[in-house]
C-alpha atoms as a PDB file:
ATOM      1  CA  MET A   1      39.653  -3.203  16.203  1.00  0.00           C
ATOM      2  CA  THR A   2      42.306  -4.965  14.125  1.00  0.00           C
ATOM      3  CA  LEU A   3      42.598  -8.608  13.080  1.00  0.00           C
ATOM      4  CA  GLY A   4      45.294  -9.197  15.675  1.00  0.00           C
ATOM      5  CA  GLN A   5      43.286  -7.581  18.474  1.00  0.00           C
ATOM      6  CA  ARG A   6      40.231  -9.633  17.567  1.00  0.00           C
ATOM      7  CA  LEU A   7      42.265 -12.843  17.514  1.00  0.00           C
ATOM      8  CA  LYS A   8      43.790 -12.048  20.913  1.00  0.00           C
ATOM      9  CA  GLN A   9      40.371 -11.238  22.379  1.00  0.00           C
ATOM     10  CA  PHE A  10      38.938 -14.603  21.291  1.00  0.00           C
ATOM     11  CA  ARG A  11      42.004 -16.404  22.676  1.00  0.00           C
ATOM     12  CA  ILE A  12      41.604 -14.736  26.052  1.00  0.00           C
ATOM     13  CA  ASP A  13      37.826 -15.293  26.073  1.00  0.00           C
ATOM     14  CA  ARG A  14      38.403 -19.000  25.439  1.00  0.00           C
ATOM     15  CA  GLY A  15      40.967 -19.164  28.237  1.00  0.00           C
ATOM     16  CA  PHE A  16      43.903 -20.156  26.010  1.00  0.00           C
ATOM     17  CA  SER A  17      47.484 -19.064  26.457  1.00  0.00           C
ATOM     18  CA  GLN A  18      49.522 -18.254  23.356  1.00  0.00           C
ATOM     19  CA  PRO A  19      51.393 -21.592  23.496  1.00  0.00           C
ATOM     20  CA  GLU A  20      48.114 -23.523  23.896  1.00  0.00           C
ATOM     21  CA  LEU A  21      46.391 -21.850  20.946  1.00  0.00           C
ATOM     22  CA  ALA A  22      49.507 -22.094  18.796  1.00  0.00           C
ATOM     23  CA  GLU A  23      49.705 -25.839  19.488  1.00  0.00           C
ATOM     24  CA  LEU A  24      45.988 -26.357  18.687  1.00  0.00           C
ATOM     25  CA  ALA A  25      46.350 -24.417  15.442  1.00  0.00           C
ATOM     26  CA  GLY A  26      49.602 -26.116  14.496  1.00  0.00           C
ATOM     27  CA  ILE A  27      51.680 -22.945  14.300  1.00  0.00           C
ATOM     28  CA  GLU A  28      54.646 -21.476  16.187  1.00  0.00           C
ATOM     29  CA  GLN A  29      54.002 -19.336  19.251  1.00  0.00           C
ATOM     30  CA  SER A  30      56.220 -16.623  17.817  1.00  0.00           C
ATOM     31  CA  TYR A  31      54.102 -16.529  14.650  1.00  0.00           C
ATOM     32  CA  LEU A  32      50.903 -16.309  16.727  1.00  0.00           C
ATOM     33  CA  SER A  33      52.442 -13.404  18.621  1.00  0.00           C
ATOM     34  CA  LYS A  34      53.120 -11.621  15.315  1.00  0.00           C
ATOM     35  CA  LEU A  35      49.544 -12.205  14.271  1.00  0.00           C
ATOM     36  CA  GLU A  36      48.144 -10.790  17.506  1.00  0.00           C
ATOM     37  CA  ASN A  37      50.398  -7.731  17.219  1.00  0.00           C
ATOM     38  CA  ASP A  38      49.357  -7.177  13.588  1.00  0.00           C
ATOM     39  CA  LYS A  39      52.883  -7.696  12.359  1.00  0.00           C
ATOM     40  CA  SER A  40      51.666 -10.367   9.978  1.00  0.00           C
ATOM     41  CA  VAL A  41      48.441 -11.505   8.317  1.00  0.00           C
ATOM     42  CA  PRO A  42      47.565 -15.208   8.410  1.00  0.00           C
ATOM     43  CA  SER A  43      47.109 -17.183   5.238  1.00  0.00           C
ATOM     44  CA  ASN A  44      43.656 -18.567   4.549  1.00  0.00           C
ATOM     45  CA  ASP A  45      44.648 -22.058   5.750  1.00  0.00           C
ATOM     46  CA  ILE A  46      46.136 -20.752   8.993  1.00  0.00           C
ATOM     47  CA  PHE A  47      43.062 -18.548   9.526  1.00  0.00           C
ATOM     48  CA  ARG A  48      40.858 -21.619   9.211  1.00  0.00           C
ATOM     49  CA  ALA A  49      43.059 -23.526  11.650  1.00  0.00           C
ATOM     50  CA  LEU A  50      42.782 -20.703  14.194  1.00  0.00           C
ATOM     51  CA  LEU A  51      38.996 -20.548  13.841  1.00  0.00           C
ATOM     52  CA  LYS A  52      38.782 -24.318  14.325  1.00  0.00           C
ATOM     53  CA  ALA A  53      40.999 -24.158  17.426  1.00  0.00           C
ATOM     54  CA  LEU A  54      38.871 -21.328  18.860  1.00  0.00           C
ATOM     55  CA  ALA A  55      35.622 -23.087  17.827  1.00  0.00           C
ATOM     56  CA  ILE A  56      34.214 -19.992  16.130  1.00  0.00           C
ATOM     57  CA  THR A  57      32.865 -19.190  12.676  1.00  0.00           C
ATOM     58  CA  VAL A  58      33.909 -16.542  10.192  1.00  0.00           C
ATOM     59  CA  GLU A  59      30.691 -14.619  10.993  1.00  0.00           C
ATOM     60  CA  GLU A  60      31.568 -14.558  14.706  1.00  0.00           C
ATOM     61  CA  PHE A  61      35.115 -13.428  13.997  1.00  0.00           C
ATOM     62  CA  ILE A  62      34.136 -10.447  11.822  1.00  0.00           C
ATOM     63  CA  HIS A  63      31.022  -9.550  13.815  1.00  0.00           C
ATOM     64  CA  ARG A  64      32.405  -6.374  15.398  1.00  0.00           C
ATOM     65  CA  PHE A  65      34.412  -5.138  12.447  1.00  0.00           C
ATOM     66  CA  ASP A  66      33.374  -2.122  10.402  1.00  0.00           C
ATOM     67  CA  ALA A  67      32.907  -3.606   6.937  1.00  0.00           C
ATOM     68  CA  ILE A  68      33.826  -0.266   5.329  1.00  0.00           C
ATOM     69  CA  LYS A  69      36.549   1.098   7.630  1.00  0.00           C
ATOM     70  CA  ASP A  70      38.358  -2.224   8.148  1.00  0.00           C
ATOM     71  CA  ARG A  71      37.723  -3.635   4.679  1.00  0.00           C
ATOM     72  CA  SER A  72      41.270  -3.167   3.393  1.00  0.00           C
ATOM     73  CA  GLN A  73      42.613  -5.432   6.136  1.00  0.00           C
ATOM     74  CA  LEU A  74      39.751  -7.935   6.142  1.00  0.00           C
ATOM     75  CA  ILE A  75      39.899  -8.747   2.420  1.00  0.00           C
ATOM     76  CA  LEU A  76      43.502  -9.946   2.787  1.00  0.00           C
ATOM     77  CA  ILE A  77      41.996 -13.254   3.968  1.00  0.00           C
ATOM     78  CA  PRO A  78      39.951 -14.956   1.182  1.00  0.00           C
ATOM     79  CA  ASP A  79      37.402 -16.559   3.548  1.00  0.00           C
ATOM     80  CA  ILE A  80      36.623 -13.181   5.089  1.00  0.00           C
ATOM     81  CA  GLU A  81      36.484 -11.501   1.678  1.00  0.00           C
ATOM     82  CA  LEU A  82      33.985 -14.134   0.490  1.00  0.00           C
ATOM     83  CA  LYS A  83      31.849 -13.741   3.610  1.00  0.00           C
ATOM     84  CA  LEU A  84      31.821  -9.937   3.234  1.00  0.00           C
ATOM     85  CA  ALA A  85      30.754 -10.275  -0.400  1.00  0.00           C
ATOM     86  CA  GLN A  86      27.901 -12.598   0.622  1.00  0.00           C
ATOM     87  CA  GLN A  87      26.792 -10.169   3.343  1.00  0.00           C
ATOM     88  CA  GLU A  88      26.848  -7.303   0.854  1.00  0.00           C
ATOM     89  CA  GLN A  89      24.650  -9.271  -1.544  1.00  0.00           C
ATOM     90  CA  VAL A  90      22.157  -9.945   1.233  1.00  0.00           C
ATOM     91  CA  LEU A  91      22.270  -6.274   2.207  1.00  0.00           C
ATOM     92  CA  ILE A  92      21.645  -5.140  -1.386  1.00  0.00           C
ATOM     93  CA  HIS A  93      18.767  -7.616  -1.717  1.00  0.00           C
ATOM     94  CA  ASN A  94      17.201  -6.405   1.528  1.00  0.00           C
ATOM     95  CA  LEU A  95      17.725  -2.781   0.510  1.00  0.00           C
ATOM     96  CA  ARG A  96      15.974  -3.341  -2.815  1.00  0.00           C
ATOM     97  CA  ARG A  97      13.090  -5.064  -1.081  1.00  0.00           C
ATOM     98  CA  TYR A  98      12.927  -2.202   1.418  1.00  0.00           C
ATOM     99  CA  LEU A  99      12.809   0.400  -1.373  1.00  0.00           C
ATOM    100  CA  TYR A 100      10.190  -1.617  -3.269  1.00  0.00           C
ATOM    101  CA  MET A 101       8.039  -1.682  -0.134  1.00  0.00           C
ATOM    102  CA  ALA A 102       8.494   2.065   0.367  1.00  0.00           C
ATOM    103  CA  SER A 103       7.507   2.671  -3.261  1.00  0.00           C
ATOM    104  CA  LEU A 104       4.474   0.426  -2.872  1.00  0.00           C
ATOM    105  CA  LEU A 105       3.397   2.350   0.230  1.00  0.00           C
ATOM    106  CA  ILE A 106       3.588   5.621  -1.714  1.00  0.00           C
ATOM    107  CA  ILE A 107       1.559   4.219  -4.606  1.00  0.00           C
ATOM    108  CA  LEU A 108      -1.066   2.755  -2.281  1.00  0.00           C
ATOM    109  CA  GLY A 109      -1.169   5.963  -0.266  1.00  0.00           C
ATOM    110  CA  VAL A 110      -1.775   8.150  -3.320  1.00  0.00           C
ATOM    111  CA  THR A 111      -4.372   5.716  -4.664  1.00  0.00           C
ATOM    112  CA  LEU A 112      -6.321   5.509  -1.401  1.00  0.00           C
ATOM    113  CA  PHE A 113      -6.199   9.269  -0.845  1.00  0.00           C
ATOM    114  CA  TYR A 114      -7.446   9.977  -4.372  1.00  0.00           C
ATOM    115  CA  THR A 115     -10.160   7.329  -4.017  1.00  0.00           C
ATOM    116  CA  GLY A 116     -11.432   8.927  -0.812  1.00  0.00           C
ATOM    117  CA  TYR A 117     -11.058  12.480  -2.101  1.00  0.00           C
ATOM    118  CA  SER A 118     -12.753  11.885  -5.449  1.00  0.00           C
ATOM    119  CA  LYS A 119     -15.476   9.702  -3.890  1.00  0.00           C
ATOM    120  CA  GLN A 120     -15.446   7.518  -6.995  1.00  0.00           C
ATOM    121  CA  LEU A 121     -15.638   4.253  -5.090  1.00  0.00           C
ATOM    122  CA  PHE A 122     -18.060   5.378  -2.393  1.00  0.00           C
ATOM    123  CA  ASP A 123     -20.262   8.053  -3.931  1.00  0.00           C
ATOM    124  CA  GLU A 124     -21.701  10.551  -1.472  1.00  0.00           C
ATOM    125  CA  THR A 125     -24.487  11.737  -3.794  1.00  0.00           C
ATOM    126  CA  ARG A 126     -28.008  10.444  -3.216  1.00  0.00           C
ATOM    127  CA  TYR A 127     -30.507  10.812  -6.052  1.00  0.00           C
ATOM    128  CA  GLN A 128     -34.213  11.312  -5.509  1.00  0.00           C
ATOM    129  CA  TYR A 129     -36.512  10.249  -8.351  1.00  0.00           C
ATOM    130  CA  GLU A 130     -40.269  10.839  -8.453  1.00  0.00           C
ATOM    131  CA  SER A 131     -42.968   9.079 -10.451  1.00  0.00           C
ATOM    132  CA  PRO A 132     -46.450  10.722 -10.568  1.00  0.00           C
ATOM    133  CA  GLY A 133     -48.314   7.557 -11.481  1.00  0.00           C
ATOM    134  CA  ILE A 134     -48.724   4.560 -13.773  1.00  0.00           C
ATOM    135  CA  ILE A 135     -48.625   5.170 -17.524  1.00  0.00           C
ATOM    136  CA  LEU A 136     -51.091   2.968 -19.353  1.00  0.00           C
ATOM    137  CA  PRO A 137     -50.231   1.175 -22.627  1.00  0.00           C
ATOM    138  CA  GLY A 138     -50.356   3.529 -25.599  1.00  0.00           C
ATOM    139  CA  GLU A 139     -49.999   6.681 -23.495  1.00  0.00           C
ATOM    140  CA  PRO A 140     -47.007   9.015 -23.820  1.00  0.00           C
ATOM    141  CA  SER A 141     -44.418   8.949 -21.062  1.00  0.00           C
ATOM    142  CA  ASP A 142     -45.344  12.479 -19.926  1.00  0.00           C
ATOM    143  CA  ILE A 143     -49.079  11.831 -19.796  1.00  0.00           C
ATOM    144  CA  PHE A 144     -49.459  13.334 -16.317  1.00  0.00           C
ATOM    145  CA  HIS A 145     -48.056  16.630 -17.570  1.00  0.00           C
ATOM    146  CA  SER A 146     -49.263  16.713 -21.189  1.00  0.00           C
ATOM    147  CA  TRP A 147     -52.756  15.237 -21.014  1.00  0.00           C
ATOM    148  CA  ARG A 148     -54.390  18.706 -21.362  1.00  0.00           C
ATOM    149  CA  ASN A 149     -52.619  19.247 -24.701  1.00  0.00           C
ATOM    150  CA  MET A 150     -54.266  16.103 -26.047  1.00  0.00           C
ATOM    151  CA  ILE A 151     -57.792  17.635 -25.777  1.00  0.00           C
ATOM    152  CA  ASN A 152     -59.150  20.480 -27.881  1.00  0.00           C
ATOM    153  CA  SER A 153     -60.509  23.007 -25.399  1.00  0.00           C
ATOM    154  CA  ASP A 154     -61.990  25.403 -27.928  1.00  0.00           C
ATOM    155  CA  SER A 155     -65.439  23.800 -27.858  1.00  0.00           C
ATOM    156  CA  ARG A 156     -67.889  23.229 -25.049  1.00  0.00           C
ATOM    157  CA  GLU A 157     -67.400  19.457 -25.429  1.00  0.00           C
ATOM    158  CA  GLY A 158     -63.662  19.923 -25.179  1.00  0.00           C
ATOM    159  CA  ARG A 159     -63.914  21.913 -21.970  1.00  0.00           C
ATOM    160  CA  ALA A 160     -66.196  19.262 -20.509  1.00  0.00           C
ATOM    161  CA  ALA A 161     -63.748  16.567 -21.573  1.00  0.00           C
ATOM    162  CA  ILE A 162     -60.931  18.444 -19.839  1.00  0.00           C
ATOM    163  CA  ASN A 163     -62.880  18.511 -16.585  1.00  0.00           C
ATOM    164  CA  ILE A 164     -63.563  14.800 -16.812  1.00  0.00           C
ATOM    165  CA  LYS A 165     -59.943  14.077 -17.694  1.00  0.00           C
ATOM    166  CA  ARG A 166     -58.709  16.246 -14.825  1.00  0.00           C
ATOM    167  CA  VAL A 167     -60.699  14.179 -12.350  1.00  0.00           C
ATOM    168  CA  GLU A 168     -59.478  10.953 -13.944  1.00  0.00           C
ATOM    169  CA  MET A 169     -55.823  11.972 -13.851  1.00  0.00           C
ATOM    170  CA  ALA A 170     -56.167  13.164 -10.270  1.00  0.00           C
ATOM    171  CA  LYS A 171     -57.474   9.741  -9.292  1.00  0.00           C
ATOM    172  CA  ARG A 172     -54.703   8.013 -11.196  1.00  0.00           C
ATOM    173  CA  ARG A 173     -51.994  10.136  -9.635  1.00  0.00           C
ATOM    174  CA  ASN A 174     -50.012   8.055  -7.172  1.00  0.00           C
ATOM    175  CA  ASN A 175     -46.665   9.668  -6.418  1.00  0.00           C
ATOM    176  CA  VAL A 176     -43.800   7.316  -5.664  1.00  0.00           C
ATOM    177  CA  ILE A 177     -40.427   8.618  -4.468  1.00  0.00           C
ATOM    178  CA  LEU A 178     -37.305   6.522  -5.019  1.00  0.00           C
ATOM    179  CA  LEU A 179     -34.033   7.260  -3.199  1.00  0.00           C
ATOM    180  CA  THR A 180     -30.886   5.675  -4.644  1.00  0.00           C
ATOM    181  CA  ASP A 181     -27.090   6.064  -4.643  1.00  0.00           C
ATOM    182  CA  GLU A 182     -27.044   5.241  -8.361  1.00  0.00           C
ATOM    183  CA  ASN A 183     -27.250   7.973 -10.967  1.00  0.00           C
ATOM    184  CA  ARG A 184     -29.812   6.700 -13.475  1.00  0.00           C
ATOM    185  CA  GLY A 185     -29.943   9.841 -15.581  1.00  0.00           C
ATOM    186  CA  GLN A 186     -32.633  12.505 -15.814  1.00  0.00           C
ATOM    187  CA  TYR A 187     -35.327   9.832 -16.031  1.00  0.00           C
ATOM    188  CA  PHE A 188     -35.810   6.109 -16.421  1.00  0.00           C
ATOM    189  CA  VAL A 189     -38.774   3.803 -16.989  1.00  0.00           C
ATOM    190  CA  GLU A 190     -39.757   0.672 -15.063  1.00  0.00           C
ATOM    191  CA  ASP A 191     -42.503  -1.767 -15.987  1.00  0.00           C
ATOM    192  CA  SER A 192     -45.384  -2.334 -13.594  1.00  0.00           C
ATOM    193  CA  ALA A 193     -48.363  -4.699 -13.478  1.00  0.00           C
ATOM    194  CA  MET A 194     -50.755  -2.248 -15.196  1.00  0.00           C
ATOM    195  CA  GLY A 195     -48.302  -0.425 -17.455  1.00  0.00           C
ATOM    196  CA  LYS A 196     -45.106   1.418 -16.619  1.00  0.00           C
ATOM    197  CA  ARG A 197     -43.738   4.162 -14.443  1.00  0.00           C
ATOM    198  CA  GLN A 198     -41.416   6.923 -15.494  1.00  0.00           C
ATOM    199  CA  TYR A 199     -39.179   8.213 -12.728  1.00  0.00           C
ATOM    200  CA  ASN A 200     -37.890  11.751 -13.162  1.00  0.00           C
ATOM    201  CA  LEU A 201     -34.891  13.124 -11.299  1.00  0.00           C
ATOM    202  CA  ASP A 202     -36.236  15.435  -8.626  1.00  0.00           C
ATOM    203  CA  LYS A 203     -33.118  16.440  -6.692  1.00  0.00           C
ATOM    204  CA  LYS A 204     -29.637  15.401  -5.587  1.00  0.00           C
ATOM    205  CA  GLU A 205     -28.292  15.429  -2.044  1.00  0.00           C
ATOM    206  CA  GLU A 206     -24.755  15.187  -0.705  1.00  0.00           C
ATOM    207  CA  LEU A 207     -24.501  12.738   2.201  1.00  0.00           C
ATOM    208  CA  PRO A 208     -20.971  12.592   3.671  1.00  0.00           C
ATOM    209  CA  ARG A 209     -19.651   9.046   4.207  1.00  0.00           C
ATOM    210  CA  SER A 210     -17.016   8.473   6.867  1.00  0.00           C
ATOM    211  CA  ILE A 211     -15.316   5.753   4.820  1.00  0.00           C
ATOM    212  CA  ASN A 212     -14.072   8.374   2.343  1.00  0.00           C
ATOM    213  CA  ASN A 213     -12.470  10.323   5.198  1.00  0.00           C
ATOM    214  CA  TRP A 214     -10.835   7.149   6.497  1.00  0.00           C
ATOM    215  CA  LEU A 215      -9.496   6.353   3.026  1.00  0.00           C
ATOM    216  CA  GLN A 216      -7.897   9.796   2.867  1.00  0.00           C
ATOM    217  CA  ILE A 217      -6.381   9.437   6.339  1.00  0.00           C
ATOM    218  CA  LEU A 218      -5.033   5.976   5.540  1.00  0.00           C
ATOM    219  CA  GLY A 219      -3.693   7.247   2.221  1.00  0.00           C
ATOM    220  CA  VAL A 220      -1.794  10.079   3.931  1.00  0.00           C
ATOM    221  CA  LEU A 221      -0.344   7.671   6.512  1.00  0.00           C
ATOM    222  CA  LEU A 222       0.870   5.253   3.841  1.00  0.00           C
ATOM    223  CA  LEU A 223       2.259   8.076   1.712  1.00  0.00           C
ATOM    224  CA  CYS A 224       4.180   9.552   4.648  1.00  0.00           C
ATOM    225  CA  SER A 225       5.473   6.096   5.618  1.00  0.00           C
ATOM    226  CA  GLY A 226       6.784   5.494   2.111  1.00  0.00           C
ATOM    227  CA  ILE A 227       8.490   8.902   1.921  1.00  0.00           C
ATOM    228  CA  MET A 228       9.992   8.395   5.376  1.00  0.00           C
ATOM    229  CA  GLY A 229      11.346   5.048   4.189  1.00  0.00           C
ATOM    230  CA  PHE A 230      13.347   6.768   1.434  1.00  0.00           C
ATOM    231  CA  VAL A 231      14.541   9.485   3.828  1.00  0.00           C
ATOM    232  CA  LEU A 232      15.792   6.934   6.367  1.00  0.00           C
ATOM    233  CA  GLU A 233      17.474   4.875   3.641  1.00  0.00           C
ATOM    234  CA  LYS A 234      19.468   7.909   2.476  1.00  0.00           C
ATOM    235  CA  ARG A 235      20.396   8.826   6.037  1.00  0.00           C
ATOM    236  CA  PHE A 236      21.611   5.300   6.828  1.00  0.00           C
ATOM    237  CA  ASN A 237      23.673   5.226   3.634  1.00  0.00           C
ATOM    238  CA  LYS A 238      25.346   8.526   4.555  1.00  0.00           C
ATOM    239  CA  GLU A 239      26.187   7.168   7.985  1.00  0.00           C
END
């Protein structure tokens, strides 16, 4: 569509004849005819007068034009050239924001996928610690395993002392099992009312947590959305 065709279409849509529109715009009918037949291009002042007579805006007038294909003709009128420049600035701003959002989706997607895959945020390992009993003040931390080494068993008195100590340690033995998601090392010590307890790492178990799977799924979705955003942007630019 040309400038003249667009002007004629608005005149017909508004129900004006050429003489009526020419009179409202303050121009000759013959000059309006030249404009509608693309034999002349209106000056900026005459263009404004025509828009006022038709009661339309610059945006309405250029709405159906191809800003790239028809640009050479459109920029002959300063008001249209200014409006096109403003629209291009808005388009560039929106495009940058669009690309920033696509980039953010990719970053978030990679981060969430790695978080779920590595299980760093929601650990799936459960640690089982075991404490054989309470360690009294002054006793070594491994008393329940090393008490025999503290008695000389070469003599009859030593062997008797071992038997007595065996009974004592058996009575003192009170196994406590602690399950936790926190890795507290090979062992750790906690104070108790009568002394302290040493908890030794007994075993580790892997307990799958669905939240890590969901993080990976969400990460893939966001990553694909971000990549698709760049693909669509390139396709639209080519078109």
